[in-house]
């Protein structure tokens, strides 16, 4: 990891302060938090703001509908709010080693 140009940003979420409805809808909350994180990365200019984004997310759901909903939501939010193109892959940490690094840091 020290051989790469890496920036790390995180969000701490106190789940007890989240609206009760969102506490019960964990996949909706996950989508919302992922969108906030992407927005902060973009606004802090940690990524080029004029190039497409490629996001690799860890597969937490086996339900294809929830995974597709995650991809569609983030894609719509990023392209709508920031006018940039995003591609989203959902993979396991075994498939993409970068996800193992993220898990270790978190």
C-alpha atoms as a PDB file:
ATOM      1  CA  UNK A   1       0.000   0.000   0.000  1.00  0.00           C
ATOM      2  CA  UNK A   2       2.874   2.390   0.690  1.00  0.00           C
ATOM      3  CA  UNK A   3       3.928   2.064  -2.960  1.00  0.00           C
ATOM      4  CA  UNK A   4       0.665   3.643  -4.136  1.00  0.00           C
ATOM      5  CA  UNK A   5      -0.680   7.179  -3.951  1.00  0.00           C
ATOM      6  CA  UNK A   6      -3.468   6.562  -1.423  1.00  0.00           C
ATOM      7  CA  UNK A   7      -5.892   8.836   0.408  1.00  0.00           C
ATOM      8  CA  UNK A   8      -8.192   7.565   3.134  1.00  0.00           C
ATOM      9  CA  UNK A   9     -11.471   9.115   4.220  1.00  0.00           C
ATOM     10  CA  UNK A  10     -14.014   7.605   6.537  1.00  0.00           C
ATOM     11  CA  UNK A  11     -17.386   8.349   8.035  1.00  0.00           C
ATOM     12  CA  UNK A  12     -18.329   7.423  11.575  1.00  0.00           C
ATOM     13  CA  UNK A  13     -22.019   6.622  11.838  1.00  0.00           C
ATOM     14  CA  UNK A  14     -23.731   6.584  15.205  1.00  0.00           C
ATOM     15  CA  UNK A  15     -26.599   4.248  14.342  1.00  0.00           C
ATOM     16  CA  UNK A  16     -28.549   5.192  17.454  1.00  0.00           C
ATOM     17  CA  UNK A  17     -28.974   8.715  16.048  1.00  0.00           C
ATOM     18  CA  UNK A  18     -30.262   7.520  12.677  1.00  0.00           C
ATOM     19  CA  UNK A  19     -33.986   7.817  11.967  1.00  0.00           C
ATOM     20  CA  UNK A  20     -35.760   4.708  13.198  1.00  0.00           C
ATOM     21  CA  UNK A  21     -37.063   3.950   9.709  1.00  0.00           C
ATOM     22  CA  UNK A  22     -33.509   3.868   8.337  1.00  0.00           C
ATOM     23  CA  UNK A  23     -32.323   1.683  11.225  1.00  0.00           C
ATOM     24  CA  UNK A  24     -34.838  -0.918  10.059  1.00  0.00           C
ATOM     25  CA  UNK A  25     -33.887  -0.523   6.372  1.00  0.00           C
ATOM     26  CA  UNK A  26     -30.179  -1.360   6.562  1.00  0.00           C
ATOM     27  CA  UNK A  27     -29.696  -1.606   2.795  1.00  0.00           C
ATOM     28  CA  UNK A  28     -31.210   1.877   2.321  1.00  0.00           C
ATOM     29  CA  UNK A  29     -28.959   3.263   5.063  1.00  0.00           C
ATOM     30  CA  UNK A  30     -25.912   1.614   3.459  1.00  0.00           C
ATOM     31  CA  UNK A  31     -26.766   3.207   0.101  1.00  0.00           C
ATOM     32  CA  UNK A  32     -27.226   6.606   1.737  1.00  0.00           C
ATOM     33  CA  UNK A  33     -23.915   6.449   3.634  1.00  0.00           C
ATOM     34  CA  UNK A  34     -22.040   5.277   0.533  1.00  0.00           C
ATOM     35  CA  UNK A  35     -23.467   8.260  -1.347  1.00  0.00           C
ATOM     36  CA  UNK A  36     -22.338  10.665   1.399  1.00  0.00           C
ATOM     37  CA  UNK A  37     -18.846   9.185   1.291  1.00  0.00           C
ATOM     38  CA  UNK A  38     -18.658   9.546  -2.499  1.00  0.00           C
ATOM     39  CA  UNK A  39     -19.908  13.122  -2.260  1.00  0.00           C
ATOM     40  CA  UNK A  40     -17.223  14.008   0.301  1.00  0.00           C
ATOM     41  CA  UNK A  41     -14.503  12.369  -1.775  1.00  0.00           C
ATOM     42  CA  UNK A  42     -15.643  14.369  -4.785  1.00  0.00           C
ATOM     43  CA  UNK A  43     -16.052  17.738  -3.018  1.00  0.00           C
ATOM     44  CA  UNK A  44     -12.673  17.423  -1.255  1.00  0.00           C
ATOM     45  CA  UNK A  45     -11.164  16.757  -4.697  1.00  0.00           C
ATOM     46  CA  UNK A  46      -9.534  13.495  -3.597  1.00  0.00           C
ATOM     47  CA  UNK A  47     -10.295  12.208  -7.085  1.00  0.00           C
ATOM     48  CA  UNK A  48     -10.104  13.971 -10.443  1.00  0.00           C
ATOM     49  CA  UNK A  49     -13.375  15.859 -10.833  1.00  0.00           C
ATOM     50  CA  UNK A  50     -13.391  15.742 -14.623  1.00  0.00           C
ATOM     51  CA  UNK A  51     -12.819  12.008 -15.125  1.00  0.00           C
ATOM     52  CA  UNK A  52     -15.156   9.025 -14.767  1.00  0.00           C
ATOM     53  CA  UNK A  53     -15.166   7.245 -11.401  1.00  0.00           C
ATOM     54  CA  UNK A  54     -14.645   3.516 -11.032  1.00  0.00           C
ATOM     55  CA  UNK A  55     -15.967   2.170  -7.723  1.00  0.00           C
ATOM     56  CA  UNK A  56     -15.430  -1.340  -6.361  1.00  0.00           C
ATOM     57  CA  UNK A  57     -17.829  -2.155  -3.537  1.00  0.00           C
ATOM     58  CA  UNK A  58     -17.707  -5.175  -1.310  1.00  0.00           C
ATOM     59  CA  UNK A  59     -20.557  -7.591  -1.859  1.00  0.00           C
ATOM     60  CA  UNK A  60     -22.592  -7.634   1.318  1.00  0.00           C
ATOM     61  CA  UNK A  61     -25.808  -8.938  -0.176  1.00  0.00           C
ATOM     62  CA  UNK A  62     -26.524 -12.101  -2.106  1.00  0.00           C
ATOM     63  CA  UNK A  63     -29.796 -10.599  -3.307  1.00  0.00           C
ATOM     64  CA  UNK A  64     -29.242  -9.419  -6.889  1.00  0.00           C
ATOM     65  CA  UNK A  65     -32.082  -6.892  -6.610  1.00  0.00           C
ATOM     66  CA  UNK A  66     -30.447  -5.153  -3.612  1.00  0.00           C
ATOM     67  CA  UNK A  67     -27.059  -5.107  -5.368  1.00  0.00           C
ATOM     68  CA  UNK A  68     -28.589  -3.622  -8.513  1.00  0.00           C
ATOM     69  CA  UNK A  69     -30.509  -1.101  -6.430  1.00  0.00           C
ATOM     70  CA  UNK A  70     -27.217  -0.041  -4.779  1.00  0.00           C
ATOM     71  CA  UNK A  71     -25.539   0.420  -8.178  1.00  0.00           C
ATOM     72  CA  UNK A  72     -28.484   2.313  -9.660  1.00  0.00           C
ATOM     73  CA  UNK A  73     -28.861   4.603  -6.635  1.00  0.00           C
ATOM     74  CA  UNK A  74     -25.184   5.581  -6.535  1.00  0.00           C
ATOM     75  CA  UNK A  75     -24.982   5.978 -10.283  1.00  0.00           C
ATOM     76  CA  UNK A  76     -28.046   8.242 -10.339  1.00  0.00           C
ATOM     77  CA  UNK A  77     -26.809  10.318  -7.384  1.00  0.00           C
ATOM     78  CA  UNK A  78     -23.261  10.812  -8.662  1.00  0.00           C
ATOM     79  CA  UNK A  79     -24.222  11.549 -12.247  1.00  0.00           C
ATOM     80  CA  UNK A  80     -27.090  13.816 -11.135  1.00  0.00           C
ATOM     81  CA  UNK A  81     -25.222  15.766  -8.449  1.00  0.00           C
ATOM     82  CA  UNK A  82     -21.766  15.978  -9.991  1.00  0.00           C
ATOM     83  CA  UNK A  83     -22.353  15.345 -13.694  1.00  0.00           C
ATOM     84  CA  UNK A  84     -19.691  12.658 -13.931  1.00  0.00           C
ATOM     85  CA  UNK A  85     -19.873   9.081 -15.094  1.00  0.00           C
ATOM     86  CA  UNK A  86     -19.438   6.262 -12.605  1.00  0.00           C
ATOM     87  CA  UNK A  87     -18.992   2.525 -13.058  1.00  0.00           C
ATOM     88  CA  UNK A  88     -19.698   0.308 -10.084  1.00  0.00           C
ATOM     89  CA  UNK A  89     -18.500  -3.246  -9.547  1.00  0.00           C
ATOM     90  CA  UNK A  90     -19.661  -5.399  -6.666  1.00  0.00           C
ATOM     91  CA  UNK A  91     -17.042  -7.993  -5.788  1.00  0.00           C
ATOM     92  CA  UNK A  92     -15.885 -10.093  -2.878  1.00  0.00           C
ATOM     93  CA  UNK A  93     -12.617  -9.365  -1.065  1.00  0.00           C
ATOM     94  CA  UNK A  94     -11.285 -12.615  -2.524  1.00  0.00           C
ATOM     95  CA  UNK A  95     -11.912 -11.265  -6.030  1.00  0.00           C
ATOM     96  CA  UNK A  96     -10.436  -7.796  -5.438  1.00  0.00           C
ATOM     97  CA  UNK A  97      -7.530  -7.433  -3.052  1.00  0.00           C
ATOM     98  CA  UNK A  98      -8.164  -3.690  -2.630  1.00  0.00           C
ATOM     99  CA  UNK A  99     -11.281  -4.606  -0.617  1.00  0.00           C
ATOM    100  CA  UNK A 100      -9.126  -6.570   1.829  1.00  0.00           C
ATOM    101  CA  UNK A 101      -7.035  -3.442   2.404  1.00  0.00           C
ATOM    102  CA  UNK A 102     -10.160  -1.385   3.031  1.00  0.00           C
ATOM    103  CA  UNK A 103     -11.459  -3.974   5.495  1.00  0.00           C
ATOM    104  CA  UNK A 104      -8.128  -3.947   7.323  1.00  0.00           C
ATOM    105  CA  UNK A 105      -8.064  -0.141   7.586  1.00  0.00           C
ATOM    106  CA  UNK A 106     -11.670   0.062   8.745  1.00  0.00           C
END
